[in-house]
Amino acid sequence: MREMKLVRLVTRLENAAALDPLVGRVRKAVNGVIRPQPVRDVLHGVPVGHPVHPLLVLVPTGAWVSAAVLDLLPGNQRAARSLVGLGVVSVLPTAASGFTDWSELHEQQTRVGLVHSAANVVATGLYAASWLQRRRGRTTSGKVLGMLGLAVVSGGGYLGGHLSYRQAAGANHAEDVPHRFPSGWQAFGLLADVPERTPVKKEVAGLPLLAFRRGERIDVLSNVCSHLSGPLDEGEVSADASGAACVLCPWHGSAFSLETGEVLRGPATSPQPRFETRVREGRVEVLLPHAG
């Protein structure tokens, strides 16, 4: 079965470089408004371990779909109006999380995301107008505006699906590591070949790993950032608030604990696969728990 023409149109949208100046202006505005890192981490979904935007999206879309169903049944005008209003009010936190995620994406993703957000802004405007018309007693025009809003938000939802599943925005880009790395202890190399306090990349079993040595201690993580596959060995190593060592992704600034792999700062929400290490006769070996 061939892809729909719509898919090819969205693929062309990915490469629409003409959108880049607008993308830059919107990103600057988003980063200027949503600045505190703890707030950004919450909006990214760091505390829950995955992006929070898909969860928040359920509220406005669920309310609006429910309102559309009630519009088809007699005697539900007040309930439908309340649902439309609930959807409009819930857009603010939903959009805040979406824009925060969007501001940390690659070029092709931001282009699709810009149109996705524009569709949702239009849909929200239509639903706000629908609520006003219903409140004024103009139920028929309110229903028409609601149906138009549902059509537009459905188109925006299609683009959101393209972002998530075709372009892997928000996905864990290190999820495949445990499935590709062999089980058991694997040779890493000589401890003497790993420089002190310098992030180093080394391939083991065909996968790039990040090593950081402090004396006889060596910490090893997957080198592919879980956010968007950034090379962690090109990032800086610093200390977090507790003094523990962490590595910063050079692409979008995600911070991971070298000792545990956990996310210390977004936009990443998934931890880095962390390898156990041991040194035998000057040779380093690594083990990934639950690999294979």
C-alpha atoms as a PDB file:
ATOM      1  CA  MET A   1       0.000   0.000   0.000  1.00  0.00           C
ATOM      2  CA  ARG A   2       1.336   3.416  -0.966  1.00  0.00           C
ATOM      3  CA  GLU A   3       1.553   6.393   1.326  1.00  0.00           C
ATOM      4  CA  MET A   4      -1.131   9.044   1.124  1.00  0.00           C
ATOM      5  CA  LYS A   5      -0.274  12.244  -0.726  1.00  0.00           C
ATOM      6  CA  LEU A   6      -0.625  14.004   2.618  1.00  0.00           C
ATOM      7  CA  VAL A   7       2.462  12.177   3.878  1.00  0.00           C
ATOM      8  CA  ARG A   8       4.508  13.458   0.954  1.00  0.00           C
ATOM      9  CA  LEU A   9       3.255  16.994   1.600  1.00  0.00           C
ATOM     10  CA  VAL A  10       4.341  16.826   5.225  1.00  0.00           C
ATOM     11  CA  THR A  11       7.716  15.437   4.154  1.00  0.00           C
ATOM     12  CA  ARG A  12       8.111  18.494   1.929  1.00  0.00           C
ATOM     13  CA  LEU A  13       7.184  20.623   4.932  1.00  0.00           C
ATOM     14  CA  GLU A  14      10.139  19.126   6.820  1.00  0.00           C
ATOM     15  CA  ASN A  15      12.461  20.656   4.230  1.00  0.00           C
ATOM     16  CA  ALA A  16      10.717  24.042   3.964  1.00  0.00           C
ATOM     17  CA  ALA A  17      13.727  26.186   4.876  1.00  0.00           C
ATOM     18  CA  ALA A  18      11.654  29.319   4.198  1.00  0.00           C
ATOM     19  CA  LEU A  19      10.081  28.763   7.620  1.00  0.00           C
ATOM     20  CA  ASP A  20      13.412  29.001   9.435  1.00  0.00           C
ATOM     21  CA  PRO A  21      13.407  32.791  10.054  1.00  0.00           C
ATOM     22  CA  LEU A  22       9.969  32.529  11.671  1.00  0.00           C
ATOM     23  CA  VAL A  23      11.092  29.455  13.607  1.00  0.00           C
ATOM     24  CA  GLY A  24      14.015  31.464  14.972  1.00  0.00           C
ATOM     25  CA  ARG A  25      11.796  34.340  16.089  1.00  0.00           C
ATOM     26  CA  VAL A  26       9.259  32.074  17.772  1.00  0.00           C
ATOM     27  CA  ARG A  27      11.995  30.043  19.479  1.00  0.00           C
ATOM     28  CA  LYS A  28      13.573  33.247  20.809  1.00  0.00           C
ATOM     29  CA  ALA A  29      10.204  34.352  22.173  1.00  0.00           C
ATOM     30  CA  VAL A  30       9.550  30.967  23.805  1.00  0.00           C
ATOM     31  CA  ASN A  31      12.978  30.871  25.434  1.00  0.00           C
ATOM     32  CA  GLY A  32      12.524  34.446  26.606  1.00  0.00           C
ATOM     33  CA  VAL A  33       9.183  33.728  28.284  1.00  0.00           C
ATOM     34  CA  ILE A  34       9.925  30.255  29.684  1.00  0.00           C
ATOM     35  CA  ARG A  35      13.367  30.787  31.191  1.00  0.00           C
ATOM     36  CA  PRO A  36      13.783  29.170  34.654  1.00  0.00           C
ATOM     37  CA  GLN A  37      15.341  25.736  34.154  1.00  0.00           C
ATOM     38  CA  PRO A  38      13.211  24.041  36.862  1.00  0.00           C
ATOM     39  CA  VAL A  39      10.074  25.252  35.074  1.00  0.00           C
ATOM     40  CA  ARG A  40      11.384  24.023  31.728  1.00  0.00           C
ATOM     41  CA  ASP A  41      12.226  20.649  33.256  1.00  0.00           C
ATOM     42  CA  VAL A  42       8.666  20.257  34.548  1.00  0.00           C
ATOM     43  CA  LEU A  43       7.225  21.263  31.165  1.00  0.00           C
ATOM     44  CA  HIS A  44       9.577  18.845  29.387  1.00  0.00           C
ATOM     45  CA  GLY A  45       8.455  16.039  31.702  1.00  0.00           C
ATOM     46  CA  VAL A  46      11.741  15.296  33.482  1.00  0.00           C
ATOM     47  CA  PRO A  47       9.975  14.420  36.792  1.00  0.00           C
ATOM     48  CA  VAL A  48       7.658  11.880  35.106  1.00  0.00           C
ATOM     49  CA  GLY A  49      10.356  10.296  32.934  1.00  0.00           C
ATOM     50  CA  HIS A  50       8.894  11.118  29.527  1.00  0.00           C
ATOM     51  CA  PRO A  51       7.402  14.136  27.729  1.00  0.00           C
ATOM     52  CA  VAL A  52       4.365  15.512  29.567  1.00  0.00           C
ATOM     53  CA  HIS A  53       2.864  17.210  26.490  1.00  0.00           C
ATOM     54  CA  PRO A  54       1.036  14.094  25.175  1.00  0.00           C
ATOM     55  CA  LEU A  55      -0.635  13.690  28.573  1.00  0.00           C
ATOM     56  CA  LEU A  56      -1.780  17.317  28.691  1.00  0.00           C
ATOM     57  CA  VAL A  57      -3.098  17.158  25.122  1.00  0.00           C
ATOM     58  CA  LEU A  58      -5.767  14.708  26.278  1.00  0.00           C
ATOM     59  CA  VAL A  59      -7.619  17.428  28.187  1.00  0.00           C
ATOM     60  CA  PRO A  60      -8.449  19.929  25.397  1.00  0.00           C
ATOM     61  CA  THR A  61      -8.868  17.307  22.676  1.00  0.00           C
ATOM     62  CA  GLY A  62     -10.943  15.066  24.939  1.00  0.00           C
ATOM     63  CA  ALA A  63     -13.153  17.974  25.960  1.00  0.00           C
ATOM     64  CA  TRP A  64     -13.670  19.129  22.386  1.00  0.00           C
ATOM     65  CA  VAL A  65     -14.411  15.668  21.005  1.00  0.00           C
ATOM     66  CA  SER A  66     -16.893  15.120  23.836  1.00  0.00           C
ATOM     67  CA  ALA A  67     -18.527  18.469  23.061  1.00  0.00           C
ATOM     68  CA  ALA A  68     -18.865  17.451  19.405  1.00  0.00           C
ATOM     69  CA  VAL A  69     -20.634  14.244  20.447  1.00  0.00           C
ATOM     70  CA  LEU A  70     -23.011  16.154  22.726  1.00  0.00           C
ATOM     71  CA  ASP A  71     -23.730  18.597  19.906  1.00  0.00           C
ATOM     72  CA  LEU A  72     -25.204  15.694  17.962  1.00  0.00           C
ATOM     73  CA  LEU A  73     -27.607  14.843  20.786  1.00  0.00           C
ATOM     74  CA  PRO A  74     -30.575  16.960  21.914  1.00  0.00           C
ATOM     75  CA  GLY A  75     -30.696  18.683  25.283  1.00  0.00           C
ATOM     76  CA  ASN A  76     -26.964  18.931  25.966  1.00  0.00           C
ATOM     77  CA  GLN A  77     -26.238  22.532  25.029  1.00  0.00           C
ATOM     78  CA  ARG A  78     -25.042  23.633  28.467  1.00  0.00           C
ATOM     79  CA  ALA A  79     -22.785  20.605  28.952  1.00  0.00           C
ATOM     80  CA  ALA A  80     -21.312  21.025  25.470  1.00  0.00           C
ATOM     81  CA  ARG A  81     -20.577  24.688  26.154  1.00  0.00           C
ATOM     82  CA  SER A  82     -18.848  23.805  29.427  1.00  0.00           C
ATOM     83  CA  LEU A  83     -16.669  21.237  27.665  1.00  0.00           C
ATOM     84  CA  VAL A  84     -15.729  23.726  24.964  1.00  0.00           C
ATOM     85  CA  GLY A  85     -14.707  26.209  27.667  1.00  0.00           C
ATOM     86  CA  LEU A  86     -12.730  23.564  29.547  1.00  0.00           C
ATOM     87  CA  GLY A  87     -10.809  22.766  26.380  1.00  0.00           C
ATOM     88  CA  VAL A  88      -9.957  26.415  25.756  1.00  0.00           C
ATOM     89  CA  VAL A  89      -8.761  26.985  29.337  1.00  0.00           C
ATOM     90  CA  SER A  90      -6.615  23.829  29.331  1.00  0.00           C
ATOM     91  CA  VAL A  91      -4.761  24.901  26.186  1.00  0.00           C
ATOM     92  CA  LEU A  92      -2.381  27.182  28.117  1.00  0.00           C
ATOM     93  CA  PRO A  93      -0.394  24.506  30.029  1.00  0.00           C
ATOM     94  CA  THR A  94      -0.629  22.183  27.039  1.00  0.00           C
ATOM     95  CA  ALA A  95       0.825  24.795  24.701  1.00  0.00           C
ATOM     96  CA  ALA A  96       3.495  25.772  27.241  1.00  0.00           C
ATOM     97  CA  SER A  97       4.783  22.201  27.409  1.00  0.00           C
ATOM     98  CA  GLY A  98       4.589  21.780  23.642  1.00  0.00           C
ATOM     99  CA  PHE A  99       6.456  24.993  22.875  1.00  0.00           C
ATOM    100  CA  THR A 100       9.121  24.166  25.470  1.00  0.00           C
ATOM    101  CA  ASP A 101       9.740  20.789  23.820  1.00  0.00           C
ATOM    102  CA  TRP A 102       9.608  22.339  20.352  1.00  0.00           C
ATOM    103  CA  SER A 103      12.264  24.938  21.194  1.00  0.00           C
ATOM    104  CA  GLU A 104      14.823  22.125  21.665  1.00  0.00           C
ATOM    105  CA  LEU A 105      14.280  20.215  18.404  1.00  0.00           C
ATOM    106  CA  HIS A 106      16.167  19.812  15.120  1.00  0.00           C
ATOM    107  CA  GLU A 107      15.462  21.979  12.053  1.00  0.00           C
ATOM    108  CA  GLN A 108      13.141  19.562  10.246  1.00  0.00           C
ATOM    109  CA  GLN A 109      11.202  18.917  13.428  1.00  0.00           C
ATOM    110  CA  THR A 110      10.771  22.606  14.240  1.00  0.00           C
ATOM    111  CA  ARG A 111       9.306  23.293  10.796  1.00  0.00           C
ATOM    112  CA  VAL A 112       6.620  20.660  11.193  1.00  0.00           C
ATOM    113  CA  GLY A 113       6.124  21.680  14.812  1.00  0.00           C
ATOM    114  CA  LEU A 114       5.588  25.309  13.847  1.00  0.00           C
ATOM    115  CA  VAL A 115       2.696  24.411  11.549  1.00  0.00           C
ATOM    116  CA  HIS A 116       1.386  21.972  14.169  1.00  0.00           C
ATOM    117  CA  SER A 117       1.277  24.758  16.746  1.00  0.00           C
ATOM    118  CA  ALA A 118      -0.244  27.220  14.261  1.00  0.00           C
ATOM    119  CA  ALA A 119      -3.074  24.770  13.578  1.00  0.00           C
ATOM    120  CA  ASN A 120      -3.703  24.426  17.297  1.00  0.00           C
ATOM    121  CA  VAL A 121      -3.734  28.200  17.768  1.00  0.00           C
ATOM    122  CA  VAL A 122      -6.335  28.526  15.012  1.00  0.00           C
ATOM    123  CA  ALA A 123      -8.377  25.693  16.514  1.00  0.00           C
ATOM    124  CA  THR A 124      -8.276  27.346  19.933  1.00  0.00           C
ATOM    125  CA  GLY A 125      -9.483  30.606  18.409  1.00  0.00           C
ATOM    126  CA  LEU A 126     -12.374  28.815  16.723  1.00  0.00           C
ATOM    127  CA  TYR A 127     -13.357  27.113  19.958  1.00  0.00           C
ATOM    128  CA  ALA A 128     -13.124  30.363  21.913  1.00  0.00           C
ATOM    129  CA  ALA A 129     -15.464  31.939  19.357  1.00  0.00           C
ATOM    130  CA  SER A 130     -17.701  28.867  19.605  1.00  0.00           C
ATOM    131  CA  TRP A 131     -17.958  29.286  23.372  1.00  0.00           C
ATOM    132  CA  LEU A 132     -18.857  32.970  23.020  1.00  0.00           C
ATOM    133  CA  GLN A 133     -21.548  32.229  20.456  1.00  0.00           C
ATOM    134  CA  ARG A 134     -23.047  29.518  22.634  1.00  0.00           C
ATOM    135  CA  ARG A 135     -23.047  31.857  25.632  1.00  0.00           C
ATOM    136  CA  ARG A 136     -24.916  34.452  23.563  1.00  0.00           C
ATOM    137  CA  GLY A 137     -27.521  31.844  22.718  1.00  0.00           C
ATOM    138  CA  ARG A 138     -26.374  31.416  19.120  1.00  0.00           C
ATOM    139  CA  THR A 139     -26.107  27.663  19.412  1.00  0.00           C
ATOM    140  CA  THR A 140     -26.089  26.809  15.720  1.00  0.00           C
ATOM    141  CA  SER A 141     -23.169  29.072  14.844  1.00  0.00           C
ATOM    142  CA  GLY A 142     -21.428  27.871  18.010  1.00  0.00           C
ATOM    143  CA  LYS A 143     -21.739  24.279  16.834  1.00  0.00           C
ATOM    144  CA  VAL A 144     -20.453  25.154  13.364  1.00  0.00           C
ATOM    145  CA  LEU A 145     -17.425  26.921  14.820  1.00  0.00           C
ATOM    146  CA  GLY A 146     -16.831  23.929  17.081  1.00  0.00           C
ATOM    147  CA  MET A 147     -16.886  21.504  14.167  1.00  0.00           C
ATOM    148  CA  LEU A 148     -14.456  23.713  12.255  1.00  0.00           C
ATOM    149  CA  GLY A 149     -12.215  23.796  15.316  1.00  0.00           C
ATOM    150  CA  LEU A 150     -12.340  20.013  15.591  1.00  0.00           C
ATOM    151  CA  ALA A 151     -11.325  19.663  11.938  1.00  0.00           C
ATOM    152  CA  VAL A 152      -8.374  22.025  12.394  1.00  0.00           C
ATOM    153  CA  VAL A 153      -7.193  20.437  15.652  1.00  0.00           C
ATOM    154  CA  SER A 154      -7.393  17.026  13.976  1.00  0.00           C
ATOM    155  CA  GLY A 155      -5.045  18.278  11.272  1.00  0.00           C
ATOM    156  CA  GLY A 156      -2.743  19.613  13.961  1.00  0.00           C
ATOM    157  CA  GLY A 157      -2.930  16.244  15.687  1.00  0.00           C
ATOM    158  CA  TYR A 158      -1.838  14.513  12.489  1.00  0.00           C
ATOM    159  CA  LEU A 159       1.246  16.727  12.384  1.00  0.00           C
ATOM    160  CA  GLY A 160       1.869  15.979  16.051  1.00  0.00           C
ATOM    161  CA  GLY A 161       1.790  12.277  15.247  1.00  0.00           C
ATOM    162  CA  HIS A 162       4.244  12.863  12.406  1.00  0.00           C
ATOM    163  CA  LEU A 163       6.564  14.652  14.823  1.00  0.00           C
ATOM    164  CA  SER A 164       6.375  11.897  17.417  1.00  0.00           C
ATOM    165  CA  TYR A 165       6.439   8.753  15.297  1.00  0.00           C
ATOM    166  CA  ARG A 166       7.979   9.711  11.952  1.00  0.00           C
ATOM    167  CA  GLN A 167      10.525  12.219  13.260  1.00  0.00           C
ATOM    168  CA  ALA A 168      10.932  10.683  16.739  1.00  0.00           C
ATOM    169  CA  ALA A 169      10.541  13.963  18.629  1.00  0.00           C
ATOM    170  CA  GLY A 170      10.230  13.135  22.317  1.00  0.00           C
ATOM    171  CA  ALA A 171      11.310   9.522  21.860  1.00  0.00           C
ATOM    172  CA  ASN A 172      14.147   7.909  23.819  1.00  0.00           C
ATOM    173  CA  HIS A 173      17.008   7.805  21.325  1.00  0.00           C
ATOM    174  CA  ALA A 174      19.037   5.455  23.519  1.00  0.00           C
ATOM    175  CA  GLU A 175      16.258   2.904  23.998  1.00  0.00           C
ATOM    176  CA  ASP A 176      17.823   0.422  21.582  1.00  0.00           C
ATOM    177  CA  VAL A 177      21.121   0.116  23.483  1.00  0.00           C
ATOM    178  CA  PRO A 178      20.088  -2.744  25.828  1.00  0.00           C
ATOM    179  CA  HIS A 179      18.730  -4.683  22.843  1.00  0.00           C
ATOM    180  CA  ARG A 180      21.885  -4.299  20.753  1.00  0.00           C
ATOM    181  CA  PHE A 181      24.585  -4.677  23.381  1.00  0.00           C
ATOM    182  CA  PRO A 182      25.659  -8.261  24.168  1.00  0.00           C
ATOM    183  CA  SER A 183      25.078  -9.738  27.606  1.00  0.00           C
ATOM    184  CA  GLY A 184      27.940 -10.431  29.983  1.00  0.00           C
ATOM    185  CA  TRP A 185      31.212  -8.617  30.563  1.00  0.00           C
ATOM    186  CA  GLN A 186      32.805  -7.093  27.461  1.00  0.00           C
ATOM    187  CA  ALA A 187      36.358  -5.868  26.914  1.00  0.00           C
ATOM    188  CA  PHE A 188      36.591  -2.071  26.847  1.00  0.00           C
ATOM    189  CA  GLY A 189      40.340  -1.472  26.645  1.00  0.00           C
ATOM    190  CA  LEU A 190      43.323  -0.550  28.769  1.00  0.00           C
ATOM    191  CA  LEU A 191      42.706   1.738  31.723  1.00  0.00           C
ATOM    192  CA  ALA A 192      45.955   3.524  30.880  1.00  0.00           C
ATOM    193  CA  ASP A 193      44.529   4.492  27.476  1.00  0.00           C
ATOM    194  CA  VAL A 194      41.679   6.447  29.085  1.00  0.00           C
ATOM    195  CA  PRO A 195      42.853   9.977  29.959  1.00  0.00           C
ATOM    196  CA  GLU A 196      42.061  11.465  33.350  1.00  0.00           C
ATOM    197  CA  ARG A 197      38.943  13.656  33.670  1.00  0.00           C
ATOM    198  CA  THR A 198      38.332  13.862  29.939  1.00  0.00           C
ATOM    199  CA  PRO A 199      35.209  12.466  28.242  1.00  0.00           C
ATOM    200  CA  VAL A 200      36.272   9.796  25.759  1.00  0.00           C
ATOM    201  CA  LYS A 201      34.298   7.932  23.103  1.00  0.00           C
ATOM    202  CA  LYS A 202      35.000   4.269  22.439  1.00  0.00           C
ATOM    203  CA  GLU A 203      33.104   1.651  20.448  1.00  0.00           C
ATOM    204  CA  VAL A 204      32.286  -1.666  22.069  1.00  0.00           C
ATOM    205  CA  ALA A 205      30.268  -4.288  20.191  1.00  0.00           C
ATOM    206  CA  GLY A 206      29.541  -1.669  17.534  1.00  0.00           C
ATOM    207  CA  LEU A 207      27.984   0.826  19.957  1.00  0.00           C
ATOM    208  CA  PRO A 208      29.552   4.176  20.944  1.00  0.00           C
ATOM    209  CA  LEU A 209      30.196   4.497  24.675  1.00  0.00           C
ATOM    210  CA  LEU A 210      31.275   7.456  26.788  1.00  0.00           C
ATOM    211  CA  ALA A 211      33.993   6.911  29.392  1.00  0.00           C
ATOM    212  CA  PHE A 212      35.118   9.300  32.106  1.00  0.00           C
ATOM    213  CA  ARG A 213      38.015   8.347  34.365  1.00  0.00           C
ATOM    214  CA  ARG A 214      38.927   9.612  37.823  1.00  0.00           C
ATOM    215  CA  GLY A 215      41.920   7.676  39.075  1.00  0.00           C
ATOM    216  CA  GLU A 216      41.006   4.003  39.261  1.00  0.00           C
ATOM    217  CA  ARG A 217      37.313   4.822  38.858  1.00  0.00           C
ATOM    218  CA  ILE A 218      35.814   4.845  35.383  1.00  0.00           C
ATOM    219  CA  ASP A 219      32.189   5.689  34.576  1.00  0.00           C
ATOM    220  CA  VAL A 220      30.702   4.504  31.286  1.00  0.00           C
ATOM    221  CA  LEU A 221      27.429   5.589  29.669  1.00  0.00           C
ATOM    222  CA  SER A 222      25.943   5.258  26.217  1.00  0.00           C
ATOM    223  CA  ASN A 223      27.455   8.075  24.156  1.00  0.00           C
ATOM    224  CA  VAL A 224      24.203   8.748  22.280  1.00  0.00           C
ATOM    225  CA  CYS A 225      22.084  11.338  24.091  1.00  0.00           C
ATOM    226  CA  SER A 226      18.610  10.004  24.814  1.00  0.00           C
ATOM    227  CA  HIS A 227      17.067  13.320  23.735  1.00  0.00           C
ATOM    228  CA  LEU A 228      18.126  13.599  20.080  1.00  0.00           C
ATOM    229  CA  SER A 229      21.257  11.429  19.717  1.00  0.00           C
ATOM    230  CA  GLY A 230      23.827  14.125  20.508  1.00  0.00           C
ATOM    231  CA  PRO A 231      27.457  12.949  20.991  1.00  0.00           C
ATOM    232  CA  LEU A 232      28.077  13.206  24.729  1.00  0.00           C
ATOM    233  CA  ASP A 233      31.850  12.860  24.388  1.00  0.00           C
ATOM    234  CA  GLU A 234      31.862  16.304  22.759  1.00  0.00           C
ATOM    235  CA  GLY A 235      30.143  17.837  25.787  1.00  0.00           C
ATOM    236  CA  GLU A 236      31.541  19.202  29.023  1.00  0.00           C
ATOM    237  CA  VAL A 237      31.784  17.419  32.347  1.00  0.00           C
ATOM    238  CA  SER A 238      30.886  19.496  35.393  1.00  0.00           C
ATOM    239  CA  ALA A 239      29.461  19.077  38.890  1.00  0.00           C
ATOM    240  CA  ASP A 240      25.787  19.350  39.801  1.00  0.00           C
ATOM    241  CA  ALA A 241      24.439  21.088  42.910  1.00  0.00           C
ATOM    242  CA  SER A 242      25.417  18.126  45.098  1.00  0.00           C
ATOM    243  CA  GLY A 243      28.940  18.000  43.677  1.00  0.00           C
ATOM    244  CA  ALA A 244      28.363  14.820  41.651  1.00  0.00           C
ATOM    245  CA  ALA A 245      29.915  14.691  38.180  1.00  0.00           C
ATOM    246  CA  CYS A 246      27.592  15.106  35.207  1.00  0.00           C
ATOM    247  CA  VAL A 247      28.029  15.302  31.450  1.00  0.00           C
ATOM    248  CA  LEU A 248      26.311  17.973  29.351  1.00  0.00           C
ATOM    249  CA  CYS A 249      25.047  17.205  25.865  1.00  0.00           C
ATOM    250  CA  PRO A 250      26.665  19.655  23.408  1.00  0.00           C
ATOM    251  CA  TRP A 251      23.514  19.927  21.300  1.00  0.00           C
ATOM    252  CA  HIS A 252      20.745  20.964  23.689  1.00  0.00           C
ATOM    253  CA  GLY A 253      22.346  21.025  27.130  1.00  0.00           C
ATOM    254  CA  SER A 254      20.773  17.971  28.752  1.00  0.00           C
ATOM    255  CA  ALA A 255      22.718  16.925  31.859  1.00  0.00           C
ATOM    256  CA  PHE A 256      23.200  13.320  32.954  1.00  0.00           C
ATOM    257  CA  SER A 257      24.785  11.918  36.101  1.00  0.00           C
ATOM    258  CA  LEU A 258      27.959  10.036  35.234  1.00  0.00           C
ATOM    259  CA  GLU A 259      27.431   7.740  38.211  1.00  0.00           C
ATOM    260  CA  THR A 260      23.814   6.752  37.537  1.00  0.00           C
ATOM    261  CA  GLY A 261      22.893   8.000  34.055  1.00  0.00           C
ATOM    262  CA  GLU A 262      19.823   9.785  35.418  1.00  0.00           C
ATOM    263  CA  VAL A 263      18.623  13.056  33.915  1.00  0.00           C
ATOM    264  CA  LEU A 264      19.698  16.049  35.977  1.00  0.00           C
ATOM    265  CA  ARG A 265      18.483  18.676  33.505  1.00  0.00           C
ATOM    266  CA  GLY A 266      16.281  18.568  30.420  1.00  0.00           C
ATOM    267  CA  PRO A 267      15.278  18.670  27.655  1.00  0.00           C
ATOM    268  CA  ALA A 268      16.073  14.939  27.868  1.00  0.00           C
ATOM    269  CA  THR A 269      13.570  12.974  29.941  1.00  0.00           C
ATOM    270  CA  SER A 270      15.008   9.440  29.615  1.00  0.00           C
ATOM    271  CA  PRO A 271      18.171   8.374  31.476  1.00  0.00           C
ATOM    272  CA  GLN A 272      21.333   7.271  29.728  1.00  0.00           C
ATOM    273  CA  PRO A 273      22.082   3.532  29.776  1.00  0.00           C
ATOM    274  CA  ARG A 274      24.794   3.106  32.412  1.00  0.00           C
ATOM    275  CA  PHE A 275      27.391   0.339  32.300  1.00  0.00           C
ATOM    276  CA  GLU A 276      28.949  -1.408  35.258  1.00  0.00           C
ATOM    277  CA  THR A 277      32.740  -1.438  35.087  1.00  0.00           C
ATOM    278  CA  ARG A 278      35.597  -3.422  36.531  1.00  0.00           C
ATOM    279  CA  VAL A 279      39.356  -3.320  36.077  1.00  0.00           C
ATOM    280  CA  ARG A 280      41.349  -6.534  35.831  1.00  0.00           C
ATOM    281  CA  GLU A 281      45.095  -6.411  35.403  1.00  0.00           C
ATOM    282  CA  GLY A 282      44.854  -2.917  33.958  1.00  0.00           C
ATOM    283  CA  ARG A 283      42.086  -3.829  31.503  1.00  0.00           C
ATOM    284  CA  VAL A 284      38.623  -2.314  31.716  1.00  0.00           C
ATOM    285  CA  GLU A 285      35.535  -4.461  31.211  1.00  0.00           C
ATOM    286  CA  VAL A 286      31.955  -3.236  30.960  1.00  0.00           C
ATOM    287  CA  LEU A 287      28.597  -4.861  31.652  1.00  0.00           C
ATOM    288  CA  LEU A 288      25.168  -3.520  30.758  1.00  0.00           C
ATOM    289  CA  PRO A 289      22.553  -4.970  33.126  1.00  0.00           C
ATOM    290  CA  HIS A 290      19.622  -6.653  31.358  1.00  0.00           C
ATOM    291  CA  ALA A 291      21.335  -6.401  27.963  1.00  0.00           C
ATOM    292  CA  GLY A 292      20.937  -8.912  25.187  1.00  0.00           C
END
